């Protein structure tokens, strides 16, 4: 068994599969709001795993406030299990996050864990939307 490498973490508005190809729409880096807390309707987190071999890999997602370490999301109850036949197989995990509450303006770490070990993260920013002139 060889643990796979995480080669992609993408946050986006929508994912479609057409003719066995994925299309990702609306790359997300920031969630803007006039005030906080704010509930974000929905977005997708896409990960891609490569160079691994084995069965029973478990991916978990967490979203944590960079400021105070508060966990605002955890996918443990619905973690995704996947297998890789050999190092040439790739595996995409597409998860939809619905109704995420961002408590306040600031940075949040979107963490990816494999078998309960942190293997990668990226930042998501909650920002106050300024009036456009």
Protein backbone atom coordinates (compact mmCIF):
# COMPACT_ATOMS: atom_id res chain seq x y z
CA UNK A 1 0.00 0.00 0.00
CA UNK A 2 1.35 3.43 -0.97
CA UNK A 3 -0.32 6.59 0.32
CA UNK A 4 -1.44 8.82 -2.58
CA UNK A 5 -0.33 12.41 -3.15
CA UNK A 6 -2.80 15.27 -3.08
CA UNK A 7 -2.28 17.25 -6.28
CA UNK A 8 -5.36 19.53 -6.38
CA UNK A 9 -7.57 21.44 -3.96
CA UNK A 10 -10.15 23.53 -5.80
CA UNK A 11 -13.02 25.54 -4.34
CA UNK A 12 -15.63 26.43 -6.94
CA UNK A 13 -19.28 27.37 -7.47
CA UNK A 14 -20.26 24.38 -9.58
CA UNK A 15 -19.00 21.09 -11.03
CA UNK A 16 -20.43 19.42 -14.13
CA UNK A 17 -19.52 16.16 -15.81
CA UNK A 18 -20.06 16.00 -19.56
CA UNK A 19 -18.72 13.19 -21.75
CA UNK A 20 -16.62 11.83 -18.85
CA UNK A 21 -14.92 15.23 -18.39
CA UNK A 22 -15.30 17.52 -15.39
CA UNK A 23 -15.92 21.24 -15.82
CA UNK A 24 -15.30 23.53 -12.87
CA UNK A 25 -17.09 26.88 -12.74
CA UNK A 26 -16.35 29.91 -10.58
CA UNK A 27 -13.07 29.47 -8.69
CA UNK A 28 -13.65 30.70 -5.12
CA UNK A 29 -11.03 32.44 -2.99
CA UNK A 30 -13.24 34.91 -1.12
CA UNK A 31 -16.76 34.93 0.25
CA UNK A 32 -17.99 38.53 0.30
CA UNK A 33 -20.80 39.79 2.49
CA UNK A 34 -22.11 43.14 3.70
CA UNK A 35 -22.02 41.77 7.26
CA UNK A 36 -21.03 38.73 9.30
CA UNK A 37 -21.91 36.08 10.27
CA UNK A 38 -23.02 35.00 6.81
CA UNK A 39 -24.37 31.71 5.47
CA UNK A 40 -22.91 30.82 2.07
CA UNK A 41 -25.51 29.00 -0.02
CA UNK A 42 -23.29 26.28 -1.51
CA UNK A 43 -19.92 25.58 -3.10
CA UNK A 44 -17.81 22.58 -4.07
CA UNK A 45 -14.44 21.35 -2.84
CA UNK A 46 -12.62 19.20 -5.40
CA UNK A 47 -9.52 17.16 -4.59
CA UNK A 48 -7.43 14.95 -6.85
CA UNK A 49 -5.30 12.07 -5.59
CA UNK A 50 -2.45 10.52 -7.62
CA UNK A 51 0.60 8.21 -7.28
CA UNK A 52 -0.96 5.89 -4.72
CA UNK A 53 -1.91 2.26 -4.45
CA UNK A 54 -4.17 0.51 -1.98
CA UNK A 55 -7.64 0.30 -0.48
CA UNK A 56 -9.53 2.12 2.23
CA UNK A 57 -8.10 5.63 1.90
CA UNK A 58 -10.35 8.05 3.81
CA UNK A 59 -10.55 11.76 2.99
CA UNK A 60 -11.91 14.23 5.54
CA UNK A 61 -12.40 18.00 5.16
CA UNK A 62 -12.20 20.62 7.90
CA UNK A 63 -12.60 24.39 7.75
CA UNK A 64 -10.89 26.23 10.60
CA UNK A 65 -10.60 29.90 11.55
CA UNK A 66 -7.01 31.06 11.14
CA UNK A 67 -7.54 33.62 13.91
CA UNK A 68 -8.74 31.44 16.77
CA UNK A 69 -8.64 27.81 15.59
CA UNK A 70 -12.44 27.46 15.73
CA UNK A 71 -13.66 24.62 13.52
CA UNK A 72 -16.64 25.74 11.44
CA UNK A 73 -16.98 22.60 9.30
CA UNK A 74 -15.99 18.94 9.58
CA UNK A 75 -16.93 16.20 7.11
CA UNK A 76 -16.05 13.29 9.43
CA UNK A 77 -19.65 11.98 9.52
CA UNK A 78 -19.55 11.71 5.73
CA UNK A 79 -15.86 11.15 5.01
CA UNK A 80 -15.12 9.73 1.56
CA UNK A 81 -13.41 6.36 1.20
CA UNK A 82 -11.63 5.45 -2.03
CA UNK A 83 -9.27 2.86 -3.53
CA UNK A 84 -6.44 3.13 -6.04
CA UNK A 85 -5.65 0.04 -8.11
CA UNK A 86 -2.14 1.22 -9.02
CA UNK A 87 0.00 4.37 -9.22
CA UNK A 88 -1.41 5.23 -12.65
CA UNK A 89 -4.98 5.59 -11.40
CA UNK A 90 -6.25 9.02 -10.33
CA UNK A 91 -9.18 9.68 -8.05
CA UNK A 92 -11.27 12.86 -7.78
CA UNK A 93 -13.33 13.59 -4.69
CA UNK A 94 -16.07 16.17 -5.22
CA UNK A 95 -17.81 17.40 -2.11
CA UNK A 96 -20.58 19.97 -1.86
CA UNK A 97 -20.69 22.24 1.18
CA UNK A 98 -24.19 23.64 1.73
CA UNK A 99 -25.06 26.42 4.15
CA UNK A 100 -21.58 27.05 5.56
CA UNK A 101 -21.72 29.80 8.18
CA UNK A 102 -18.72 32.13 8.12
CA UNK A 103 -18.80 33.70 11.62
CA UNK A 104 -16.69 36.78 10.90
CA UNK A 105 -14.39 38.48 8.46
CA UNK A 106 -10.97 36.86 8.18
CA UNK A 107 -9.09 33.86 6.83
CA UNK A 108 -10.16 30.23 7.10
CA UNK A 109 -8.07 27.12 6.35
CA UNK A 110 -9.74 24.48 4.22
CA UNK A 111 -7.85 21.40 5.41
CA UNK A 112 -7.66 18.05 3.63
CA UNK A 113 -6.90 15.00 5.74
CA UNK A 114 -6.08 11.50 4.52
CA UNK A 115 -6.64 8.76 7.09
CA UNK A 116 -6.80 11.48 9.80
CA UNK A 117 -3.45 13.03 8.76
CA UNK A 118 -3.32 16.61 7.44
CA UNK A 119 -1.92 16.48 3.90
CA UNK A 120 -2.85 19.86 2.44
CA UNK A 121 -4.81 23.06 2.83
CA UNK A 122 -5.71 26.32 1.16
CA UNK A 123 -7.17 29.56 2.42
CA UNK A 124 -10.68 30.91 2.05
CA UNK A 125 -11.29 34.54 2.97
CA UNK A 126 -14.42 36.05 4.44
CA UNK A 127 -14.46 39.74 3.46
CA UNK A 128 -16.75 42.70 3.93
CA UNK A 129 -18.11 43.73 0.57
CA UNK A 130 -17.53 47.41 -0.05
CA UNK A 131 -20.08 49.57 -1.87
CA UNK A 132 -19.35 49.99 -5.56
CA UNK A 133 -19.28 53.51 -6.97
